Amino acid sequence: MPIGHRDPQSNPDRLDDVSCFSLLPKLPGRIGRPYYALATTHAALGGVAELLGLYILLAAGTKLLPEKFRIARFKFWMRSLLLVWWIVLFLGMATYARWYMSLR
């Protein structure tokens, strides 16, 4: 994997993950509000996308996984992950708009 694709995204992304965990203790009582439900959906789906991306990386790019867990249809999995990332991106934009833009 080229360095330009991997390194710049790694550290800020991990810091964002850690900052999301600081909200977990306050979340159960507020999950019913759309204000928090949108952000929680964005975070949960983003976590799924990250885990799916790691799985694809391990299953397609290495021989660390057993043969039965490796990927044969790369296009399908990569396009599926791209779709999930697009959904996460739009949920993030909606979260930003909901949290920081006033509706006048």
Foldseek 3Di string as FASTA:
>chain_A
DDPVVPPVPPVVVVVVLVVVVVCVVVCPVPCVDPLNVLVVVLNVLVVVLVVLVVQQCPQDVHPPDDPVSHDDPNVVSVVVSVVSVVVSVVSVVVSCCSPPPDDD
